[in-house]
C-alpha atoms as a PDB file:
ATOM      1  CA  MET A   1      23.382 -15.168   9.751  1.00  0.00           C
ATOM      2  CA  ALA A   2      24.531 -13.060   6.305  1.00  0.00           C
ATOM      3  CA  ASP A   3      21.118 -13.169   4.227  1.00  0.00           C
ATOM      4  CA  LEU A   4      19.312 -11.351   7.234  1.00  0.00           C
ATOM      5  CA  GLN A   5      19.363  -7.373   6.135  1.00  0.00           C
ATOM      6  CA  PHE A   6      19.243  -5.208   9.535  1.00  0.00           C
ATOM      7  CA  GLU A   7      20.298  -1.868   9.725  1.00  0.00           C
ATOM      8  CA  GLY A   8      22.948  -0.975  11.776  1.00  0.00           C
ATOM      9  CA  ASN A   9      26.651  -0.997  12.215  1.00  0.00           C
ATOM     10  CA  TRP A  10      27.324  -3.249  15.008  1.00  0.00           C
ATOM     11  CA  LEU A  11      30.780  -4.095  17.021  1.00  0.00           C
ATOM     12  CA  VAL A  12      29.701  -7.523  17.683  1.00  0.00           C
ATOM     13  CA  SER A  13      28.085 -10.405  15.568  1.00  0.00           C
ATOM     14  CA  PRO A  14      24.103 -11.372  16.428  1.00  0.00           C
ATOM     15  CA  ASN A  15      23.994 -14.820  19.099  1.00  0.00           C
ATOM     16  CA  ALA A  16      21.612 -17.086  17.971  1.00  0.00           C
ATOM     17  CA  GLU A  17      18.922 -15.177  20.262  1.00  0.00           C
ATOM     18  CA  ILE A  18      18.816 -12.265  18.319  1.00  0.00           C
ATOM     19  CA  GLU A  19      19.055 -14.001  14.994  1.00  0.00           C
ATOM     20  CA  ARG A  20      15.713 -15.901  16.085  1.00  0.00           C
ATOM     21  CA  LYS A  21      14.094 -12.746  17.441  1.00  0.00           C
ATOM     22  CA  TRP A  22      15.346 -11.069  13.900  1.00  0.00           C
ATOM     23  CA  ILE A  23      13.532 -13.625  12.266  1.00  0.00           C
ATOM     24  CA  GLU A  24      10.740 -13.447  14.099  1.00  0.00           C
ATOM     25  CA  VAL A  25      10.207  -9.924  13.119  1.00  0.00           C
ATOM     26  CA  GLN A  26      10.467 -10.900   9.337  1.00  0.00           C
ATOM     27  CA  ILE A  27       7.858 -13.625   9.902  1.00  0.00           C
ATOM     28  CA  GLN A  28       5.721 -10.625  11.419  1.00  0.00           C
ATOM     29  CA  GLU A  29       6.032  -8.884   8.520  1.00  0.00           C
ATOM     30  CA  ARG A  30       5.319 -11.464   6.048  1.00  0.00           C
ATOM     31  CA  LYS A  31       1.799 -12.160   8.026  1.00  0.00           C
ATOM     32  CA  SER A  32       1.490  -8.257   8.033  1.00  0.00           C
ATOM     33  CA  ARG A  33       1.475  -7.953   4.433  1.00  0.00           C
ATOM     34  CA  ILE A  34      -0.623 -10.921   3.825  1.00  0.00           C
ATOM     35  CA  SER A  35      -3.406  -9.231   5.746  1.00  0.00           C
ATOM     36  CA  ARG A  36      -2.954  -6.046   4.233  1.00  0.00           C
ATOM     37  CA  HIS A  37      -3.712  -8.076   0.540  1.00  0.00           C
ATOM     38  CA  LYS A  38      -6.320 -10.007   2.311  1.00  0.00           C
ATOM     39  CA  GLN A  39      -7.903  -6.460   3.153  1.00  0.00           C
ATOM     40  CA  ASP A  40      -7.127  -5.088  -0.269  1.00  0.00           C
ATOM     41  CA  MET A  41      -9.237  -8.473  -1.389  1.00  0.00           C
ATOM     42  CA  GLU A  42     -12.027  -7.571   0.549  1.00  0.00           C
ATOM     43  CA  ASP A  43     -12.139  -4.197  -0.145  1.00  0.00           C
ATOM     44  CA  LEU A  44     -12.252  -4.570  -3.714  1.00  0.00           C
ATOM     45  CA  ILE A  45     -14.837  -7.056  -3.833  1.00  0.00           C
ATOM     46  CA  LYS A  46     -17.671  -5.180  -1.245  1.00  0.00           C
ATOM     47  CA  GLY A  47     -16.611  -1.717  -2.230  1.00  0.00           C
ATOM     48  CA  LYS A  48     -15.553  -1.667  -6.184  1.00  0.00           C
ATOM     49  CA  LEU A  49     -17.615  -4.320  -7.520  1.00  0.00           C
ATOM     50  CA  VAL A  50     -20.662  -3.182  -5.272  1.00  0.00           C
ATOM     51  CA  ASP A  51     -20.035   0.231  -6.905  1.00  0.00           C
ATOM     52  CA  LEU A  52     -19.844  -1.139 -10.622  1.00  0.00           C
ATOM     53  CA  GLU A  53     -22.724  -2.956  -9.970  1.00  0.00           C
ATOM     54  CA  ALA A  54     -24.968   0.333  -8.688  1.00  0.00           C
ATOM     55  CA  ARG A  55     -23.547   1.928 -12.210  1.00  0.00           C
ATOM     56  CA  ILE A  56     -24.626  -0.682 -14.407  1.00  0.00           C
ATOM     57  CA  LEU A  57     -28.265  -1.137 -12.278  1.00  0.00           C
ATOM     58  CA  MET A  58     -28.356   3.078 -12.697  1.00  0.00           C
ATOM     59  CA  LEU A  59     -27.455   3.016 -16.596  1.00  0.00           C
ATOM     60  CA  GLU A  60     -29.811   0.391 -17.082  1.00  0.00           C
ATOM     61  CA  GLN A  61     -32.605   2.078 -15.538  1.00  0.00           C
ATOM     62  CA  GLU A  62     -31.802   5.215 -18.025  1.00  0.00           C
ATOM     63  CA  LEU A  63     -31.401   2.999 -21.071  1.00  0.00           C
ATOM     64  CA  LYS A  64     -35.150   2.166 -20.299  1.00  0.00           C
ATOM     65  CA  GLU A  65     -36.222   5.573 -19.803  1.00  0.00           C
ATOM     66  CA  LEU A  66     -34.517   6.372 -23.036  1.00  0.00           C
ATOM     67  CA  GLU A  67     -36.255   3.847 -24.517  1.00  0.00           C
ATOM     68  CA  ALA A  68     -39.635   5.171 -23.446  1.00  0.00           C
ATOM     69  CA  LYS A  69     -38.964   8.706 -24.581  1.00  0.00           C
ATOM     70  CA  LYS A  70     -37.955   7.658 -27.694  1.00  0.00           C
ATOM     71  CA  SER A  71     -41.008   5.513 -28.034  1.00  0.00           C
ATOM     72  CA  ALA A  72     -43.287   8.360 -26.582  1.00  0.00           C
ATOM     73  CA  VAL A  73     -42.204  10.889 -29.660  1.00  0.00           C
ATOM     74  CA  SER A  74     -44.847  10.963 -32.893  1.00  0.00           C
ATOM     75  CA  ILE A  75     -42.878  11.389 -36.146  1.00  0.00           C
END
């Protein structure tokens, strides 16, 4: 199959068994890429999103403290 891209200069053409194995390799590569992307999504949701939520909570606490200090200052 000419559309399969496998490195190597072979003196013979691949038979059906070899072509099937090369397709199996491509299938596994795609499955691995899907798994990596799903893991990236999970890391984003459980990592970055949680980090941003924590930063917002800290900023809200700082804002309340600053507003309380402002109210305590007499003119």
